[in-house]
Amino acid sequence: MSKSELIYGIHAVDATLDNAPERFIEVYALKGRQDERMLPIIKKLQKMGVSVQFMQRKALDDKAGGGQHQGIIARVKAAPVLNEGDLDDVLKRTEGQAFLLILDGVTDPHNLGACLRSADAAGVDAVIVPKDKSASLTPTVRKVACGAAESMPLIQVTNLARTMRELQDQGIWIYGAAGEATQTLYQTKLTGPVAIVMGAEGKGLRRLTREHCDELVSLPMAGAVSSLNVSVATGVCLFEVVRQRSS
């Protein structure tokens, strides 16, 4: 029997409907919630012949295990895990203008979800994470990503340093965000094929990852705090690439 997983939240369920409707097995919805956000999703599912069970809030809360489900949970066939081979396919489609995000050991599912959402909004081609010491696509990640987890390729690689070397061999310039870098993000030319590397919460980039970056850049901090949350910093960096590319 193929593995299944739970996804919850209106955006995550709706995005899966748009991107991979064949994955649905069954859906649990909050009894009595028939508003303009929920109703179209329920109708779409029923039209496809997916079983929708209506439940009281406590039963739904228990099924979500404390997650914020917004009144809808879906059991779906587990999504395939993407790896190095899938990255090659992504790069072929970028036609020499790759835009990648590398997350070095981001373990908090809320941060990973927020990074996926920013990456999707900025037009990133894929997000790369190490197989170990990284959050994976849990229901929480999917919920926080607001549908981006269903459209943004998340590539898990066995050896991050080796993957970075292979990207460099293909002409992709790799910029690592590091607080101690003397050059700021805004002094850096980011218009070619680029990969932005963000470090783990609190620890920053690992030594080996840092050594494999072509350049290190910092965000200019004017206030009393010395650093930003990784998902906020990721958004700032990605949209600077967008700004430079569009101008």
C-alpha atoms as a PDB file:
ATOM      1  CA  MET A   1       0.000   0.000   0.000  1.00  0.00           C
ATOM      2  CA  SER A   2       1.389   3.426  -0.913  1.00  0.00           C
ATOM      3  CA  LYS A   3       2.197   5.766   1.966  1.00  0.00           C
ATOM      4  CA  SER A   4      -0.191   8.575   2.811  1.00  0.00           C
ATOM      5  CA  GLU A   5       0.168  11.858   4.678  1.00  0.00           C
ATOM      6  CA  LEU A   6      -2.097  14.526   6.105  1.00  0.00           C
ATOM      7  CA  ILE A   7      -2.245  18.063   4.815  1.00  0.00           C
ATOM      8  CA  TYR A   8      -4.344  20.760   6.421  1.00  0.00           C
ATOM      9  CA  GLY A   9      -5.346  24.364   5.975  1.00  0.00           C
ATOM     10  CA  ILE A  10      -7.361  25.933   3.151  1.00  0.00           C
ATOM     11  CA  HIS A  11      -4.340  27.100   1.087  1.00  0.00           C
ATOM     12  CA  ALA A  12      -2.509  23.754   1.281  1.00  0.00           C
ATOM     13  CA  VAL A  13      -5.605  21.714   0.355  1.00  0.00           C
ATOM     14  CA  ASP A  14      -6.591  24.103  -2.447  1.00  0.00           C
ATOM     15  CA  ALA A  15      -3.046  24.165  -3.886  1.00  0.00           C
ATOM     16  CA  THR A  16      -2.935  20.351  -3.895  1.00  0.00           C
ATOM     17  CA  LEU A  17      -6.273  20.332  -5.709  1.00  0.00           C
ATOM     18  CA  ASP A  18      -4.772  22.593  -8.392  1.00  0.00           C
ATOM     19  CA  ASN A  19      -1.387  20.844  -8.672  1.00  0.00           C
ATOM     20  CA  ALA A  20      -1.984  17.168  -7.885  1.00  0.00           C
ATOM     21  CA  PRO A  21      -5.707  16.295  -7.554  1.00  0.00           C
ATOM     22  CA  GLU A  22      -4.926  12.598  -8.114  1.00  0.00           C
ATOM     23  CA  ARG A  23      -3.243  12.458  -4.668  1.00  0.00           C
ATOM     24  CA  PHE A  24      -6.495  12.840  -2.666  1.00  0.00           C
ATOM     25  CA  ILE A  25      -7.724   9.817  -0.689  1.00  0.00           C
ATOM     26  CA  GLU A  26     -10.287  11.344   1.703  1.00  0.00           C
ATOM     27  CA  VAL A  27     -11.090  14.689   3.309  1.00  0.00           C
ATOM     28  CA  TYR A  28     -12.364  15.687   6.756  1.00  0.00           C
ATOM     29  CA  ALA A  29     -14.157  19.024   7.052  1.00  0.00           C
ATOM     30  CA  LEU A  30     -15.634  21.009   9.940  1.00  0.00           C
ATOM     31  CA  LYS A  31     -19.358  20.380  10.306  1.00  0.00           C
ATOM     32  CA  GLY A  32     -21.351  23.564   9.781  1.00  0.00           C
ATOM     33  CA  ARG A  33     -18.568  25.560   8.107  1.00  0.00           C
ATOM     34  CA  GLN A  34     -20.025  26.446   4.709  1.00  0.00           C
ATOM     35  CA  ASP A  35     -18.472  29.834   3.932  1.00  0.00           C
ATOM     36  CA  GLU A  36     -17.203  31.283   0.644  1.00  0.00           C
ATOM     37  CA  ARG A  37     -13.634  29.995   1.204  1.00  0.00           C
ATOM     38  CA  MET A  38     -14.585  26.433   2.152  1.00  0.00           C
ATOM     39  CA  LEU A  39     -17.592  25.735  -0.067  1.00  0.00           C
ATOM     40  CA  PRO A  40     -15.825  25.877  -3.479  1.00  0.00           C
ATOM     41  CA  ILE A  41     -13.148  23.434  -2.206  1.00  0.00           C
ATOM     42  CA  ILE A  42     -15.766  20.985  -0.862  1.00  0.00           C
ATOM     43  CA  LYS A  43     -17.730  21.163  -4.139  1.00  0.00           C
ATOM     44  CA  LYS A  44     -14.578  20.576  -6.208  1.00  0.00           C
ATOM     45  CA  LEU A  45     -13.650  17.530  -4.091  1.00  0.00           C
ATOM     46  CA  GLN A  46     -17.141  16.045  -4.253  1.00  0.00           C
ATOM     47  CA  LYS A  47     -17.253  16.571  -8.035  1.00  0.00           C
ATOM     48  CA  MET A  48     -14.019  14.548  -8.260  1.00  0.00           C
ATOM     49  CA  GLY A  49     -15.633  11.759  -6.224  1.00  0.00           C
ATOM     50  CA  VAL A  50     -13.441  12.277  -3.148  1.00  0.00           C
ATOM     51  CA  SER A  51     -15.117  11.220   0.108  1.00  0.00           C
ATOM     52  CA  VAL A  52     -15.684  14.253   2.391  1.00  0.00           C
ATOM     53  CA  GLN A  53     -16.525  13.455   6.021  1.00  0.00           C
ATOM     54  CA  PHE A  54     -17.958  16.260   8.155  1.00  0.00           C
ATOM     55  CA  MET A  55     -16.776  16.289  11.782  1.00  0.00           C
ATOM     56  CA  GLN A  56     -17.156  18.230  15.022  1.00  0.00           C
ATOM     57  CA  ARG A  57     -14.259  20.573  15.891  1.00  0.00           C
ATOM     58  CA  LYS A  58     -12.789  18.337  18.626  1.00  0.00           C
ATOM     59  CA  ALA A  59     -12.536  15.327  16.285  1.00  0.00           C
ATOM     60  CA  LEU A  60     -10.856  17.522  13.675  1.00  0.00           C
ATOM     61  CA  ASP A  61      -8.482  19.034  16.277  1.00  0.00           C
ATOM     62  CA  ASP A  62      -7.490  15.525  17.413  1.00  0.00           C
ATOM     63  CA  LYS A  63      -6.839  14.424  13.837  1.00  0.00           C
ATOM     64  CA  ALA A  64      -4.605  17.476  13.223  1.00  0.00           C
ATOM     65  CA  GLY A  65      -2.650  16.776  16.425  1.00  0.00           C
ATOM     66  CA  GLY A  66      -2.789  20.402  17.530  1.00  0.00           C
ATOM     67  CA  GLY A  67      -2.090  21.878  14.076  1.00  0.00           C
ATOM     68  CA  GLN A  68      -4.071  24.881  12.807  1.00  0.00           C
ATOM     69  CA  HIS A  69      -6.326  23.112  10.297  1.00  0.00           C
ATOM     70  CA  GLN A  70      -8.774  25.975   9.436  1.00  0.00           C
ATOM     71  CA  GLY A  71     -11.585  23.440   9.299  1.00  0.00           C
ATOM     72  CA  ILE A  72     -10.199  21.103   6.630  1.00  0.00           C
ATOM     73  CA  ILE A  73      -7.800  18.137   6.633  1.00  0.00           C
ATOM     74  CA  ALA A  74      -6.995  15.873   3.676  1.00  0.00           C
ATOM     75  CA  ARG A  75      -5.422  12.424   3.622  1.00  0.00           C
ATOM     76  CA  VAL A  76      -3.379  12.288   0.412  1.00  0.00           C
ATOM     77  CA  LYS A  77      -0.892   9.929  -1.218  1.00  0.00           C
ATOM     78  CA  ALA A  78       2.601  10.889  -0.021  1.00  0.00           C
ATOM     79  CA  ALA A  79       4.386  13.267  -2.387  1.00  0.00           C
ATOM     80  CA  PRO A  80       7.576  11.932  -4.002  1.00  0.00           C
ATOM     81  CA  VAL A  81      10.803  13.100  -2.341  1.00  0.00           C
ATOM     82  CA  LEU A  82      12.906  15.081  -4.819  1.00  0.00           C
ATOM     83  CA  ASN A  83      16.684  14.558  -5.015  1.00  0.00           C
ATOM     84  CA  GLU A  84      19.806  15.454  -7.029  1.00  0.00           C
ATOM     85  CA  GLY A  85      18.390  13.923 -10.232  1.00  0.00           C
ATOM     86  CA  ASP A  86      15.331  16.169 -10.022  1.00  0.00           C
ATOM     87  CA  LEU A  87      17.619  19.200  -9.549  1.00  0.00           C
ATOM     88  CA  ASP A  88      19.230  18.458 -12.930  1.00  0.00           C
ATOM     89  CA  ASP A  89      15.768  18.543 -14.542  1.00  0.00           C
ATOM     90  CA  VAL A  90      14.977  21.888 -12.844  1.00  0.00           C
ATOM     91  CA  LEU A  91      18.262  23.431 -14.047  1.00  0.00           C
ATOM     92  CA  LYS A  92      17.618  22.364 -17.658  1.00  0.00           C
ATOM     93  CA  ARG A  93      14.358  24.337 -17.591  1.00  0.00           C
ATOM     94  CA  THR A  94      16.005  27.557 -16.313  1.00  0.00           C
ATOM     95  CA  GLU A  95      17.837  28.192 -19.631  1.00  0.00           C
ATOM     96  CA  GLY A  96      20.974  29.536 -17.930  1.00  0.00           C
ATOM     97  CA  GLN A  97      19.137  31.919 -15.585  1.00  0.00           C
ATOM     98  CA  ALA A  98      18.805  29.682 -12.517  1.00  0.00           C
ATOM     99  CA  PHE A  99      17.502  31.260  -9.309  1.00  0.00           C
ATOM    100  CA  LEU A 100      17.946  28.900  -6.357  1.00  0.00           C
ATOM    101  CA  LEU A 101      17.575  29.053  -2.585  1.00  0.00           C
ATOM    102  CA  ILE A 102      19.771  26.818  -0.407  1.00  0.00           C
ATOM    103  CA  LEU A 103      18.812  26.363   3.253  1.00  0.00           C
ATOM    104  CA  ASP A 104      21.677  25.032   5.355  1.00  0.00           C
ATOM    105  CA  GLY A 105      20.127  23.195   8.283  1.00  0.00           C
ATOM    106  CA  VAL A 106      16.864  25.097   8.827  1.00  0.00           C
ATOM    107  CA  THR A 107      15.124  22.731  11.249  1.00  0.00           C
ATOM    108  CA  ASP A 108      12.101  24.788  12.355  1.00  0.00           C
ATOM    109  CA  PRO A 109       9.043  23.786  10.250  1.00  0.00           C
ATOM    110  CA  HIS A 110       7.522  27.284  10.551  1.00  0.00           C
ATOM    111  CA  ASN A 111      10.711  28.831   9.135  1.00  0.00           C
ATOM    112  CA  LEU A 112      10.910  26.285   6.301  1.00  0.00           C
ATOM    113  CA  GLY A 113       7.256  26.928   5.416  1.00  0.00           C
ATOM    114  CA  ALA A 114       7.783  30.700   5.412  1.00  0.00           C
ATOM    115  CA  CYS A 115      10.939  30.329   3.266  1.00  0.00           C
ATOM    116  CA  LEU A 116       9.037  28.202   0.729  1.00  0.00           C
ATOM    117  CA  ARG A 117       6.315  30.842   0.576  1.00  0.00           C
ATOM    118  CA  SER A 118       8.859  33.637  -0.056  1.00  0.00           C
ATOM    119  CA  ALA A 119      10.697  31.505  -2.620  1.00  0.00           C
ATOM    120  CA  ASP A 120       7.473  30.855  -4.523  1.00  0.00           C
ATOM    121  CA  ALA A 121       6.555  34.555  -4.464  1.00  0.00           C
ATOM    122  CA  ALA A 122      10.017  35.579  -5.721  1.00  0.00           C
ATOM    123  CA  GLY A 123      10.006  33.101  -8.615  1.00  0.00           C
ATOM    124  CA  VAL A 124      12.747  30.809  -7.283  1.00  0.00           C
ATOM    125  CA  ASP A 125      13.235  27.661  -9.402  1.00  0.00           C
ATOM    126  CA  ALA A 126      13.906  25.267  -6.488  1.00  0.00           C
ATOM    127  CA  VAL A 127      14.779  25.182  -2.790  1.00  0.00           C
ATOM    128  CA  ILE A 128      17.674  22.899  -1.833  1.00  0.00           C
ATOM    129  CA  VAL A 129      18.123  21.411   1.651  1.00  0.00           C
ATOM    130  CA  PRO A 130      20.446  18.747   3.092  1.00  0.00           C
ATOM    131  CA  LYS A 131      18.766  15.368   3.704  1.00  0.00           C
ATOM    132  CA  ASP A 132      19.943  15.387   7.334  1.00  0.00           C
ATOM    133  CA  LYS A 133      19.600  18.196   9.897  1.00  0.00           C
ATOM    134  CA  SER A 134      16.783  19.919   8.038  1.00  0.00           C
ATOM    135  CA  ALA A 135      13.007  20.183   8.406  1.00  0.00           C
ATOM    136  CA  SER A 136      11.053  18.112   5.875  1.00  0.00           C
ATOM    137  CA  LEU A 137       7.616  18.634   4.335  1.00  0.00           C
ATOM    138  CA  THR A 138       5.417  18.119   7.404  1.00  0.00           C
ATOM    139  CA  PRO A 139       1.755  19.238   7.590  1.00  0.00           C
ATOM    140  CA  THR A 140       2.945  22.298   9.581  1.00  0.00           C
ATOM    141  CA  VAL A 141       5.394  23.271   6.813  1.00  0.00           C
ATOM    142  CA  ARG A 142       2.673  22.909   4.184  1.00  0.00           C
ATOM    143  CA  LYS A 143       0.202  24.949   6.257  1.00  0.00           C
ATOM    144  CA  VAL A 144       2.692  27.824   6.870  1.00  0.00           C
ATOM    145  CA  ALA A 145       3.734  27.776   3.196  1.00  0.00           C
ATOM    146  CA  CYS A 146       0.128  28.659   2.209  1.00  0.00           C
ATOM    147  CA  GLY A 147       0.161  26.430  -0.876  1.00  0.00           C
ATOM    148  CA  ALA A 148       3.783  27.109  -1.926  1.00  0.00           C
ATOM    149  CA  ALA A 149       4.908  23.640  -0.749  1.00  0.00           C
ATOM    150  CA  GLU A 150       2.725  22.130  -3.499  1.00  0.00           C
ATOM    151  CA  SER A 151       4.286  24.197  -6.301  1.00  0.00           C
ATOM    152  CA  MET A 152       7.878  24.856  -5.155  1.00  0.00           C
ATOM    153  CA  PRO A 153      10.312  21.954  -5.718  1.00  0.00           C
ATOM    154  CA  LEU A 154      12.074  21.074  -2.434  1.00  0.00           C
ATOM    155  CA  ILE A 155      15.228  19.132  -3.315  1.00  0.00           C
ATOM    156  CA  GLN A 156      16.864  17.020  -0.585  1.00  0.00           C
ATOM    157  CA  VAL A 157      20.542  16.360  -1.274  1.00  0.00           C
ATOM    158  CA  THR A 158      22.878  13.891   0.434  1.00  0.00           C
ATOM    159  CA  ASN A 159      25.973  16.118   0.347  1.00  0.00           C
ATOM    160  CA  LEU A 160      25.294  19.865   0.296  1.00  0.00           C
ATOM    161  CA  ALA A 161      28.924  20.902  -0.335  1.00  0.00           C
ATOM    162  CA  ARG A 162      29.170  18.570  -3.348  1.00  0.00           C
ATOM    163  CA  THR A 163      25.867  19.912  -4.749  1.00  0.00           C
ATOM    164  CA  MET A 164      27.181  23.482  -4.368  1.00  0.00           C
ATOM    165  CA  ARG A 165      30.368  22.562  -6.293  1.00  0.00           C
ATOM    166  CA  GLU A 166      28.264  21.044  -9.080  1.00  0.00           C
ATOM    167  CA  LEU A 167      26.130  24.203  -9.283  1.00  0.00           C
ATOM    168  CA  GLN A 168      29.303  26.309  -9.560  1.00  0.00           C
ATOM    169  CA  ASP A 169      30.545  24.035 -12.372  1.00  0.00           C
ATOM    170  CA  GLN A 170      27.350  24.964 -14.235  1.00  0.00           C
ATOM    171  CA  GLY A 171      28.077  28.689 -13.894  1.00  0.00           C
ATOM    172  CA  ILE A 172      25.799  29.432 -10.941  1.00  0.00           C
ATOM    173  CA  TRP A 173      27.253  32.021  -8.546  1.00  0.00           C
ATOM    174  CA  ILE A 174      26.628  31.200  -4.883  1.00  0.00           C
ATOM    175  CA  TYR A 175      26.075  33.944  -2.300  1.00  0.00           C
ATOM    176  CA  GLY A 176      25.968  33.075   1.397  1.00  0.00           C
ATOM    177  CA  ALA A 177      24.286  35.357   3.928  1.00  0.00           C
ATOM    178  CA  ALA A 178      26.614  35.894   6.897  1.00  0.00           C
ATOM    179  CA  GLY A 179      26.441  38.623   9.532  1.00  0.00           C
ATOM    180  CA  GLU A 180      30.215  39.158   9.567  1.00  0.00           C
ATOM    181  CA  ALA A 181      30.528  39.696   5.779  1.00  0.00           C
ATOM    182  CA  THR A 182      31.984  43.108   4.927  1.00  0.00           C
ATOM    183  CA  GLN A 183      30.046  43.408   1.664  1.00  0.00           C
ATOM    184  CA  THR A 184      26.311  44.037   1.978  1.00  0.00           C
ATOM    185  CA  LEU A 185      23.559  42.495  -0.118  1.00  0.00           C
ATOM    186  CA  TYR A 186      22.923  45.890  -1.754  1.00  0.00           C
ATOM    187  CA  GLN A 187      26.548  46.268  -2.902  1.00  0.00           C
ATOM    188  CA  THR A 188      26.438  42.896  -4.655  1.00  0.00           C
ATOM    189  CA  LYS A 189      25.576  42.204  -8.313  1.00  0.00           C
ATOM    190  CA  LEU A 190      22.902  39.491  -8.337  1.00  0.00           C
ATOM    191  CA  THR A 191      21.724  39.560 -11.946  1.00  0.00           C
ATOM    192  CA  GLY A 192      23.144  36.301 -13.360  1.00  0.00           C
ATOM    193  CA  PRO A 193      22.344  32.686 -12.472  1.00  0.00           C
ATOM    194  CA  VAL A 194      22.406  32.751  -8.645  1.00  0.00           C
ATOM    195  CA  ALA A 195      21.914  30.642  -5.559  1.00  0.00           C
ATOM    196  CA  ILE A 196      21.291  32.345  -2.210  1.00  0.00           C
ATOM    197  CA  VAL A 197      22.404  30.350   0.850  1.00  0.00           C
ATOM    198  CA  MET A 198      20.818  30.942   4.248  1.00  0.00           C
ATOM    199  CA  GLY A 199      22.070  29.380   7.471  1.00  0.00           C
ATOM    200  CA  ALA A 200      20.351  27.662  10.369  1.00  0.00           C
ATOM    201  CA  GLU A 201      18.427  29.502  13.073  1.00  0.00           C
ATOM    202  CA  GLY A 202      20.917  31.013  15.527  1.00  0.00           C
ATOM    203  CA  LYS A 203      23.978  29.217  14.123  1.00  0.00           C
ATOM    204  CA  GLY A 204      24.225  30.625  10.615  1.00  0.00           C
ATOM    205  CA  LEU A 205      26.129  28.849   7.859  1.00  0.00           C
ATOM    206  CA  ARG A 206      28.181  25.749   8.683  1.00  0.00           C
ATOM    207  CA  ARG A 207      31.919  26.095   8.054  1.00  0.00           C
ATOM    208  CA  LEU A 208      31.984  23.790   5.004  1.00  0.00           C
ATOM    209  CA  THR A 209      28.967  25.513   3.453  1.00  0.00           C
ATOM    210  CA  ARG A 210      30.522  28.925   4.035  1.00  0.00           C
ATOM    211  CA  GLU A 211      33.770  27.801   2.362  1.00  0.00           C
ATOM    212  CA  HIS A 212      31.859  26.690  -0.729  1.00  0.00           C
ATOM    213  CA  CYS A 213      30.194  30.088  -1.282  1.00  0.00           C
ATOM    214  CA  ASP A 214      31.648  32.354  -3.988  1.00  0.00           C
ATOM    215  CA  GLU A 215      30.853  35.431  -1.902  1.00  0.00           C
ATOM    216  CA  LEU A 216      29.472  36.214   1.543  1.00  0.00           C
ATOM    217  CA  VAL A 217      27.042  39.100   1.949  1.00  0.00           C
ATOM    218  CA  SER A 218      25.425  40.724   4.971  1.00  0.00           C
ATOM    219  CA  LEU A 219      22.207  42.612   5.599  1.00  0.00           C
ATOM    220  CA  PRO A 220      22.901  46.115   6.955  1.00  0.00           C
ATOM    221  CA  MET A 221      21.438  46.224  10.477  1.00  0.00           C
ATOM    222  CA  ALA A 222      20.677  49.722  11.771  1.00  0.00           C
ATOM    223  CA  GLY A 223      18.885  48.911  15.024  1.00  0.00           C
ATOM    224  CA  ALA A 224      19.688  47.221  18.312  1.00  0.00           C
ATOM    225  CA  VAL A 225      19.118  43.625  17.111  1.00  0.00           C
ATOM    226  CA  SER A 226      22.055  41.867  15.495  1.00  0.00           C
ATOM    227  CA  SER A 227      20.166  39.506  13.185  1.00  0.00           C
ATOM    228  CA  LEU A 228      16.790  38.718  11.597  1.00  0.00           C
ATOM    229  CA  ASN A 229      14.733  35.531  11.701  1.00  0.00           C
ATOM    230  CA  VAL A 230      15.969  33.279   8.865  1.00  0.00           C
ATOM    231  CA  SER A 231      12.656  33.395   6.967  1.00  0.00           C
ATOM    232  CA  VAL A 232      12.546  37.223   7.108  1.00  0.00           C
ATOM    233  CA  ALA A 233      16.194  37.497   5.998  1.00  0.00           C
ATOM    234  CA  THR A 234      15.472  35.017   3.180  1.00  0.00           C
ATOM    235  CA  GLY A 235      12.629  37.193   1.898  1.00  0.00           C
ATOM    236  CA  VAL A 236      14.854  40.289   1.917  1.00  0.00           C
ATOM    237  CA  CYS A 237      17.640  38.514  -0.015  1.00  0.00           C
ATOM    238  CA  LEU A 238      15.371  36.894  -2.595  1.00  0.00           C
ATOM    239  CA  PHE A 239      13.525  40.090  -3.410  1.00  0.00           C
ATOM    240  CA  GLU A 240      16.794  41.994  -3.858  1.00  0.00           C
ATOM    241  CA  VAL A 241      17.577  39.452  -6.610  1.00  0.00           C
ATOM    242  CA  VAL A 242      14.101  40.102  -8.080  1.00  0.00           C
ATOM    243  CA  ARG A 243      14.667  43.887  -7.920  1.00  0.00           C
ATOM    244  CA  GLN A 244      18.061  43.717  -9.635  1.00  0.00           C
ATOM    245  CA  ARG A 245      16.851  41.318 -12.323  1.00  0.00           C
ATOM    246  CA  SER A 246      13.814  43.447 -13.145  1.00  0.00           C
ATOM    247  CA  SER A 247      15.770  46.702 -13.363  1.00  0.00           C
END
